[in-house]
């Protein structure tokens, strides 16, 4: 599946956004899910759309706050002249591309790459490639367009 991170979306096409109601997220994704608590500190359940390789996190009012998009999905960033799939890429290539496209605030830690000005974190697998794109929608002015909607 392709998830496009955009400043503006075509409102006629399916998209996910901050504070979207849980039922609307589920209806839009139209896929089996399982609820789980991410950690002992979680105050609400997360939806695991396992066949879509996607987790959606909600606040206590069941409104969308965060997402984790996993490989083999594509998570394509369109920002500041960037058009770049963040998933399945070598860590060094991601950092190089982000700097080339003037996304100057890139931080690295033992888990992966953080792009705080975009509210995005990338988890790096043992193979050195990005395997998960975490998006904090509360820090995010963009919307997530679904390029190939679920049937």
N, C-alpha and C. Protein backbone atom coordinates (compact mmCIF):
# COMPACT_ATOMS: atom_id res chain seq x y z
N UNK A 1 0.83 -1.17 0.00
CA UNK A 1 0.00 0.00 0.00
C UNK A 1 0.88 1.24 0.00
N UNK A 2 0.43 2.30 -0.62
CA UNK A 2 1.18 3.55 -0.64
C UNK A 2 0.48 4.57 0.24
N UNK A 3 1.25 5.13 1.17
CA UNK A 3 0.78 6.22 2.01
C UNK A 3 1.59 7.45 1.62
N UNK A 4 0.90 8.51 1.22
CA UNK A 4 1.55 9.74 0.79
C UNK A 4 1.41 10.79 1.88
N UNK A 5 2.51 11.36 2.31
CA UNK A 5 2.50 12.42 3.32
C UNK A 5 2.51 13.74 2.57
N UNK A 6 1.39 14.47 2.64
CA UNK A 6 1.19 15.65 1.81
C UNK A 6 0.77 16.87 2.63
N UNK A 7 1.09 18.07 2.09
CA UNK A 7 0.57 19.30 2.68
C UNK A 7 -0.93 19.43 2.38
N UNK A 8 -1.30 19.12 1.17
CA UNK A 8 -2.70 19.20 0.76
C UNK A 8 -3.07 17.89 0.09
N UNK A 9 -4.26 17.42 0.39
CA UNK A 9 -4.72 16.18 -0.21
C UNK A 9 -5.90 16.47 -1.12
N UNK A 10 -6.15 15.56 -2.02
CA UNK A 10 -7.38 15.60 -2.80
C UNK A 10 -8.48 15.12 -1.88
N UNK A 11 -9.36 16.00 -1.48
CA UNK A 11 -10.41 15.66 -0.52
C UNK A 11 -11.35 14.58 -1.03
N UNK A 12 -11.33 14.33 -2.33
CA UNK A 12 -12.19 13.28 -2.90
C UNK A 12 -11.57 11.90 -2.79
N UNK A 13 -10.30 11.84 -2.40
CA UNK A 13 -9.61 10.56 -2.24
C UNK A 13 -9.44 10.28 -0.75
N UNK A 14 -9.33 9.00 -0.38
CA UNK A 14 -9.22 8.67 1.04
C UNK A 14 -7.95 9.22 1.68
N UNK A 15 -8.11 9.74 2.90
CA UNK A 15 -6.96 10.25 3.64
C UNK A 15 -7.22 10.15 5.14
N UNK A 16 -6.12 10.09 5.88
CA UNK A 16 -6.15 10.02 7.34
C UNK A 16 -5.60 11.33 7.87
N UNK A 17 -6.10 11.77 9.02
CA UNK A 17 -5.65 13.04 9.56
C UNK A 17 -5.78 13.05 11.08
N UNK A 18 -5.08 13.99 11.71
CA UNK A 18 -5.08 14.16 13.16
C UNK A 18 -6.50 14.38 13.67
N UNK A 19 -6.84 13.67 14.74
CA UNK A 19 -8.13 13.76 15.42
C UNK A 19 -9.28 13.11 14.64
N UNK A 20 -8.97 12.34 13.61
CA UNK A 20 -10.00 11.58 12.90
C UNK A 20 -10.57 10.55 13.88
N UNK A 21 -11.88 10.35 13.87
CA UNK A 21 -12.51 9.41 14.79
C UNK A 21 -12.12 7.97 14.44
N UNK A 22 -11.94 7.15 15.48
CA UNK A 22 -11.51 5.76 15.32
C UNK A 22 -12.42 5.01 14.34
N UNK A 23 -13.72 5.15 14.47
CA UNK A 23 -14.64 4.44 13.57
C UNK A 23 -14.43 4.86 12.12
N UNK A 24 -14.15 6.13 11.89
CA UNK A 24 -13.90 6.60 10.53
C UNK A 24 -12.59 6.05 9.98
N UNK A 25 -11.57 5.94 10.84
CA UNK A 25 -10.31 5.32 10.42
C UNK A 25 -10.56 3.88 10.01
N UNK A 26 -11.27 3.16 10.86
CA UNK A 26 -11.56 1.74 10.58
C UNK A 26 -12.38 1.59 9.30
N UNK A 27 -13.37 2.43 9.12
CA UNK A 27 -14.19 2.36 7.91
C UNK A 27 -13.37 2.66 6.67
N UNK A 28 -12.51 3.65 6.77
CA UNK A 28 -11.68 4.02 5.62
C UNK A 28 -10.72 2.90 5.25
N UNK A 29 -10.07 2.31 6.25
CA UNK A 29 -9.09 1.26 5.97
C UNK A 29 -9.75 -0.06 5.60
N UNK A 30 -10.96 -0.29 6.07
CA UNK A 30 -11.76 -1.44 5.64
C UNK A 30 -10.97 -2.75 5.68
N UNK A 31 -10.34 -3.00 6.81
CA UNK A 31 -9.50 -4.18 6.95
C UNK A 31 -9.65 -4.73 8.36
N UNK A 32 -9.38 -6.02 8.53
CA UNK A 32 -9.43 -6.61 9.86
C UNK A 32 -8.41 -5.93 10.76
N UNK A 33 -8.75 -5.82 12.02
CA UNK A 33 -7.85 -5.19 12.99
C UNK A 33 -7.98 -5.92 14.31
N UNK A 34 -6.99 -5.71 15.13
CA UNK A 34 -6.99 -6.23 16.50
C UNK A 34 -6.55 -5.10 17.41
N UNK A 35 -7.28 -4.89 18.49
CA UNK A 35 -6.91 -3.87 19.46
C UNK A 35 -5.88 -4.43 20.44
N UNK A 36 -4.90 -3.61 20.81
CA UNK A 36 -3.92 -4.01 21.82
C UNK A 36 -3.40 -2.77 22.53
N UNK A 37 -2.84 -2.97 23.71
CA UNK A 37 -2.18 -1.88 24.43
C UNK A 37 -0.69 -1.92 24.08
N UNK A 38 -0.17 -0.82 23.58
CA UNK A 38 1.23 -0.77 23.14
C UNK A 38 2.19 -1.00 24.31
N UNK A 39 1.85 -0.46 25.48
CA UNK A 39 2.71 -0.64 26.65
C UNK A 39 1.85 -0.59 27.90
N UNK A 40 2.48 -0.83 29.03
CA UNK A 40 1.76 -0.78 30.31
C UNK A 40 1.31 0.63 30.64
N UNK A 41 1.87 1.63 29.96
CA UNK A 41 1.52 3.02 30.20
C UNK A 41 0.42 3.53 29.26
N UNK A 42 0.01 2.71 28.30
CA UNK A 42 -1.02 3.12 27.35
C UNK A 42 -2.34 3.33 28.07
N UNK A 43 -3.02 4.41 27.72
CA UNK A 43 -4.33 4.70 28.32
C UNK A 43 -5.48 4.33 27.40
N UNK A 44 -5.17 3.94 26.17
CA UNK A 44 -6.19 3.51 25.22
C UNK A 44 -5.56 2.46 24.31
N UNK A 45 -6.40 1.70 23.65
CA UNK A 45 -5.90 0.66 22.77
C UNK A 45 -5.44 1.24 21.43
N UNK A 46 -4.58 0.48 20.80
CA UNK A 46 -4.07 0.75 19.46
C UNK A 46 -4.74 -0.23 18.52
N UNK A 47 -5.03 0.19 17.29
CA UNK A 47 -5.55 -0.72 16.27
C UNK A 47 -4.38 -1.26 15.46
N UNK A 48 -4.26 -2.58 15.42
CA UNK A 48 -3.28 -3.25 14.57
C UNK A 48 -4.00 -3.75 13.33
N UNK A 49 -3.81 -3.08 12.22
CA UNK A 49 -4.35 -3.53 10.93
C UNK A 49 -3.28 -4.44 10.34
N UNK A 50 -3.26 -5.69 10.82
CA UNK A 50 -2.13 -6.59 10.54
C UNK A 50 -1.96 -6.89 9.06
N UNK A 51 -3.03 -7.01 8.30
CA UNK A 51 -2.85 -7.30 6.87
C UNK A 51 -2.37 -6.08 6.09
N UNK A 52 -2.47 -4.89 6.70
CA UNK A 52 -1.99 -3.66 6.07
C UNK A 52 -0.63 -3.22 6.61
N UNK A 53 -0.10 -3.95 7.62
CA UNK A 53 1.17 -3.57 8.26
C UNK A 53 1.10 -2.12 8.76
N UNK A 54 0.09 -1.86 9.58
CA UNK A 54 -0.20 -0.51 10.03
C UNK A 54 -0.76 -0.53 11.45
N UNK A 55 -0.25 0.37 12.29
CA UNK A 55 -0.81 0.59 13.63
C UNK A 55 -1.35 2.02 13.70
N UNK A 56 -2.52 2.17 14.31
CA UNK A 56 -3.10 3.50 14.53
C UNK A 56 -3.35 3.69 16.02
N UNK A 57 -2.87 4.81 16.54
CA UNK A 57 -2.97 5.13 17.97
C UNK A 57 -3.98 6.25 18.16
N UNK A 58 -4.73 6.16 19.26
CA UNK A 58 -5.82 7.10 19.52
C UNK A 58 -5.70 7.70 20.91
N UNK A 59 -6.26 8.90 21.08
CA UNK A 59 -6.32 9.51 22.40
C UNK A 59 -7.48 8.89 23.19
N UNK A 60 -7.73 9.39 24.37
CA UNK A 60 -8.79 8.82 25.22
C UNK A 60 -10.19 9.09 24.68
N UNK A 61 -10.30 9.96 23.69
CA UNK A 61 -11.59 10.22 23.04
C UNK A 61 -11.71 9.47 21.71
N UNK A 62 -10.81 8.50 21.50
CA UNK A 62 -10.80 7.67 20.28
C UNK A 62 -10.61 8.49 19.01
N UNK A 63 -9.70 9.43 19.08
CA UNK A 63 -9.34 10.23 17.91
C UNK A 63 -7.88 9.97 17.56
N UNK A 64 -7.63 9.84 16.27
CA UNK A 64 -6.31 9.46 15.75
C UNK A 64 -5.23 10.46 16.16
N UNK A 65 -4.15 9.93 16.73
CA UNK A 65 -3.01 10.76 17.14
C UNK A 65 -1.71 10.38 16.43
N UNK A 66 -1.48 9.08 16.27
CA UNK A 66 -0.20 8.60 15.76
C UNK A 66 -0.42 7.39 14.88
N UNK A 67 0.57 7.15 14.01
CA UNK A 67 0.53 5.99 13.13
C UNK A 67 1.92 5.38 13.04
N UNK A 68 1.96 4.08 12.85
CA UNK A 68 3.19 3.38 12.48
C UNK A 68 2.90 2.64 11.19
N UNK A 69 3.68 2.94 10.17
CA UNK A 69 3.54 2.31 8.87
C UNK A 69 4.77 1.44 8.67
N UNK A 70 4.56 0.16 8.41
CA UNK A 70 5.66 -0.80 8.30
C UNK A 70 5.85 -1.24 6.85
N UNK A 71 7.08 -1.70 6.55
CA UNK A 71 7.36 -2.36 5.27
C UNK A 71 6.46 -3.59 5.17
N UNK A 72 6.02 -3.98 4.01
CA UNK A 72 6.47 -3.54 2.68
C UNK A 72 5.71 -2.34 2.12
N UNK A 73 4.91 -1.65 2.95
CA UNK A 73 4.24 -0.44 2.48
C UNK A 73 5.26 0.57 1.97
N UNK A 74 4.75 1.55 1.24
CA UNK A 74 5.55 2.71 0.87
C UNK A 74 5.00 3.89 1.65
N UNK A 75 5.88 4.67 2.21
CA UNK A 75 5.51 5.88 2.94
C UNK A 75 6.26 7.02 2.26
N UNK A 76 5.57 7.72 1.37
CA UNK A 76 6.24 8.68 0.50
C UNK A 76 6.04 10.09 1.04
N UNK A 77 7.14 10.76 1.31
CA UNK A 77 7.13 12.12 1.83
C UNK A 77 7.16 13.11 0.67
N UNK A 78 6.18 14.00 0.64
CA UNK A 78 6.15 15.11 -0.30
C UNK A 78 6.24 16.38 0.53
N UNK A 79 7.42 16.97 0.63
CA UNK A 79 7.61 18.16 1.45
C UNK A 79 8.86 18.87 1.00
N UNK A 80 8.79 20.19 0.87
CA UNK A 80 9.96 20.98 0.47
C UNK A 80 10.65 20.39 -0.76
N UNK A 81 9.88 20.08 -1.75
CA UNK A 81 10.38 19.53 -3.01
C UNK A 81 10.89 18.09 -2.88
N UNK A 82 10.56 17.43 -1.78
CA UNK A 82 10.95 16.04 -1.60
C UNK A 82 9.83 15.15 -2.12
N UNK A 83 10.20 14.14 -2.83
CA UNK A 83 9.30 13.03 -3.17
C UNK A 83 10.14 11.79 -2.96
N UNK A 84 9.97 11.18 -1.78
CA UNK A 84 10.92 10.15 -1.37
C UNK A 84 10.22 9.11 -0.51
N UNK A 85 10.36 7.83 -0.87
CA UNK A 85 9.83 6.74 -0.06
C UNK A 85 10.75 6.54 1.13
N UNK A 86 10.21 6.68 2.33
CA UNK A 86 11.00 6.59 3.55
C UNK A 86 11.25 5.15 4.00
N UNK A 87 10.51 4.19 3.47
CA UNK A 87 10.60 2.81 3.95
C UNK A 87 11.44 1.93 3.03
N UNK A 88 12.15 0.98 3.66
CA UNK A 88 12.94 0.01 2.91
C UNK A 88 14.22 0.58 2.34
N UNK A 89 14.64 1.72 2.87
CA UNK A 89 15.84 2.41 2.36
C UNK A 89 16.99 2.29 3.35
N UNK A 90 18.20 2.34 2.83
CA UNK A 90 19.40 2.35 3.66
C UNK A 90 19.42 3.63 4.48
N UNK A 91 19.77 3.51 5.75
CA UNK A 91 19.78 4.65 6.67
C UNK A 91 20.59 5.83 6.13
N UNK A 92 21.79 5.56 5.63
CA UNK A 92 22.65 6.64 5.12
C UNK A 92 22.03 7.32 3.91
N UNK A 93 21.36 6.55 3.04
CA UNK A 93 20.71 7.13 1.87
C UNK A 93 19.56 8.05 2.27
N UNK A 94 18.81 7.66 3.31
CA UNK A 94 17.70 8.49 3.79
C UNK A 94 18.25 9.82 4.31
N UNK A 95 19.27 9.75 5.14
CA UNK A 95 19.85 10.97 5.71
C UNK A 95 20.40 11.88 4.61
N UNK A 96 21.12 11.30 3.67
CA UNK A 96 21.68 12.07 2.56
C UNK A 96 20.58 12.77 1.76
N UNK A 97 19.53 12.03 1.43
CA UNK A 97 18.43 12.60 0.65
C UNK A 97 17.74 13.73 1.41
N UNK A 98 17.49 13.53 2.69
CA UNK A 98 16.84 14.57 3.49
C UNK A 98 17.68 15.84 3.55
N UNK A 99 18.99 15.69 3.72
CA UNK A 99 19.86 16.88 3.74
C UNK A 99 19.92 17.55 2.37
N UNK A 100 19.97 16.75 1.31
CA UNK A 100 19.99 17.32 -0.04
C UNK A 100 18.73 18.13 -0.33
N UNK A 101 17.63 17.74 0.28
CA UNK A 101 16.35 18.42 0.06
C UNK A 101 16.06 19.47 1.12
N UNK A 102 17.09 19.88 1.83
CA UNK A 102 16.99 20.95 2.82
C UNK A 102 16.09 20.64 4.01
N UNK A 103 15.97 19.38 4.34
CA UNK A 103 15.33 19.02 5.60
C UNK A 103 16.48 18.94 6.61
N UNK A 104 16.84 20.08 7.13
CA UNK A 104 18.09 20.22 7.88
C UNK A 104 18.04 19.64 9.28
N UNK A 105 16.88 19.44 9.83
CA UNK A 105 16.81 18.95 11.20
C UNK A 105 16.59 17.44 11.16
N UNK A 106 17.68 16.72 11.20
CA UNK A 106 17.64 15.26 11.22
C UNK A 106 18.50 14.82 12.40
N UNK A 107 17.91 13.99 13.25
CA UNK A 107 18.63 13.49 14.42
C UNK A 107 18.72 11.98 14.32
N UNK A 108 19.81 11.42 14.82
CA UNK A 108 19.97 9.97 14.86
C UNK A 108 20.10 9.53 16.31
N UNK A 109 19.55 8.35 16.59
CA UNK A 109 19.75 7.73 17.90
C UNK A 109 19.91 6.23 17.69
N UNK A 110 19.91 5.46 18.77
CA UNK A 110 20.15 4.03 18.64
C UNK A 110 18.99 3.27 18.02
N UNK A 111 17.85 3.93 17.84
CA UNK A 111 16.69 3.28 17.22
C UNK A 111 16.59 3.62 15.74
N UNK A 112 16.97 4.84 15.38
CA UNK A 112 16.84 5.23 13.99
C UNK A 112 17.04 6.70 13.75
N UNK A 113 16.17 7.27 12.91
CA UNK A 113 16.27 8.64 12.44
C UNK A 113 15.03 9.41 12.91
N UNK A 114 15.25 10.60 13.44
CA UNK A 114 14.14 11.48 13.82
C UNK A 114 14.17 12.72 12.95
N UNK A 115 12.99 13.13 12.51
CA UNK A 115 12.83 14.37 11.75
C UNK A 115 11.81 15.20 12.53
N UNK A 116 12.25 15.84 13.62
CA UNK A 116 11.31 16.48 14.54
C UNK A 116 10.44 17.56 13.93
N UNK A 117 10.96 18.31 12.97
CA UNK A 117 10.14 19.37 12.38
C UNK A 117 9.00 18.81 11.54
N UNK A 118 9.04 17.53 11.22
CA UNK A 118 7.95 16.88 10.48
C UNK A 118 7.15 15.92 11.34
N UNK A 119 7.59 15.68 12.59
CA UNK A 119 6.87 14.74 13.45
C UNK A 119 7.03 13.29 13.01
N UNK A 120 8.16 12.99 12.38
CA UNK A 120 8.40 11.65 11.81
C UNK A 120 9.63 11.03 12.45
N UNK A 121 9.53 9.75 12.78
CA UNK A 121 10.67 8.95 13.22
C UNK A 121 10.72 7.70 12.37
N UNK A 122 11.92 7.29 12.01
CA UNK A 122 12.12 6.09 11.21
C UNK A 122 12.89 5.07 12.03
N UNK A 123 12.36 3.87 12.11
CA UNK A 123 13.01 2.79 12.84
C UNK A 123 13.89 2.02 11.86
N UNK A 124 15.14 1.80 12.27
CA UNK A 124 16.11 1.10 11.42
C UNK A 124 16.22 -0.34 11.90
N UNK A 125 16.08 -1.29 10.96
CA UNK A 125 16.20 -2.71 11.28
C UNK A 125 17.66 -3.14 11.37
N UNK A 126 17.85 -4.40 11.71
CA UNK A 126 19.21 -4.96 11.82
C UNK A 126 19.97 -4.93 10.50
N UNK A 127 19.23 -4.87 9.39
CA UNK A 127 19.87 -4.82 8.08
C UNK A 127 20.28 -3.41 7.66
N UNK A 128 20.05 -2.42 8.54
CA UNK A 128 20.43 -1.04 8.24
C UNK A 128 19.43 -0.29 7.40
N UNK A 129 18.26 -0.89 7.17
CA UNK A 129 17.23 -0.25 6.35
C UNK A 129 16.04 0.17 7.21
N UNK A 130 15.34 1.19 6.72
CA UNK A 130 14.17 1.68 7.43
C UNK A 130 13.05 0.65 7.32
N UNK A 131 12.50 0.26 8.47
CA UNK A 131 11.44 -0.76 8.47
C UNK A 131 10.10 -0.22 8.96
N UNK A 132 10.12 0.95 9.60
CA UNK A 132 8.90 1.52 10.15
C UNK A 132 8.97 3.04 10.10
N UNK A 133 7.86 3.65 9.73
CA UNK A 133 7.74 5.11 9.76
C UNK A 133 6.68 5.45 10.80
N UNK A 134 7.13 6.09 11.88
CA UNK A 134 6.24 6.53 12.95
C UNK A 134 5.90 7.99 12.69
N UNK A 135 4.60 8.32 12.71
CA UNK A 135 4.16 9.68 12.46
C UNK A 135 3.33 10.16 13.64
N UNK A 136 3.80 11.22 14.29
CA UNK A 136 3.05 11.87 15.35
C UNK A 136 2.19 12.94 14.69
N UNK A 137 0.93 12.63 14.50
CA UNK A 137 0.05 13.53 13.76
C UNK A 137 -0.22 14.83 14.51
N UNK A 138 -0.04 14.85 15.82
CA UNK A 138 -0.27 16.08 16.58
C UNK A 138 0.81 17.12 16.27
N UNK A 139 1.95 16.66 15.81
CA UNK A 139 3.05 17.56 15.45
C UNK A 139 3.06 17.85 13.96
N UNK A 140 2.01 17.50 13.31
CA UNK A 140 2.03 17.32 11.88
C UNK A 140 0.97 18.17 11.22
N UNK A 141 1.34 18.99 10.26
CA UNK A 141 0.36 19.81 9.55
C UNK A 141 -0.11 19.13 8.26
N UNK A 142 0.44 17.98 7.99
CA UNK A 142 0.12 17.29 6.75
C UNK A 142 -0.96 16.24 6.97
N UNK A 143 -1.45 15.70 5.88
CA UNK A 143 -2.41 14.61 5.94
C UNK A 143 -1.80 13.41 5.23
N UNK A 144 -2.35 12.24 5.53
CA UNK A 144 -1.85 11.00 4.95
C UNK A 144 -2.83 10.53 3.89
N UNK A 145 -2.46 10.69 2.63
CA UNK A 145 -3.30 10.25 1.51
C UNK A 145 -3.02 8.77 1.27
N UNK A 146 -4.06 8.02 1.01
CA UNK A 146 -3.89 6.62 0.67
C UNK A 146 -3.96 6.52 -0.85
N UNK A 147 -2.82 6.16 -1.45
CA UNK A 147 -2.72 6.19 -2.91
C UNK A 147 -3.46 5.04 -3.57
N UNK A 148 -3.44 3.88 -2.96
CA UNK A 148 -4.18 2.75 -3.52
C UNK A 148 -5.11 2.24 -2.42
N UNK A 149 -6.33 2.77 -2.38
CA UNK A 149 -7.26 2.44 -1.30
C UNK A 149 -7.53 0.96 -1.18
N UNK A 150 -7.85 0.57 0.04
CA UNK A 150 -8.21 -0.82 0.32
C UNK A 150 -9.55 -1.10 -0.32
N UNK A 151 -9.72 -2.27 -0.96
CA UNK A 151 -11.02 -2.57 -1.59
C UNK A 151 -12.14 -2.70 -0.58
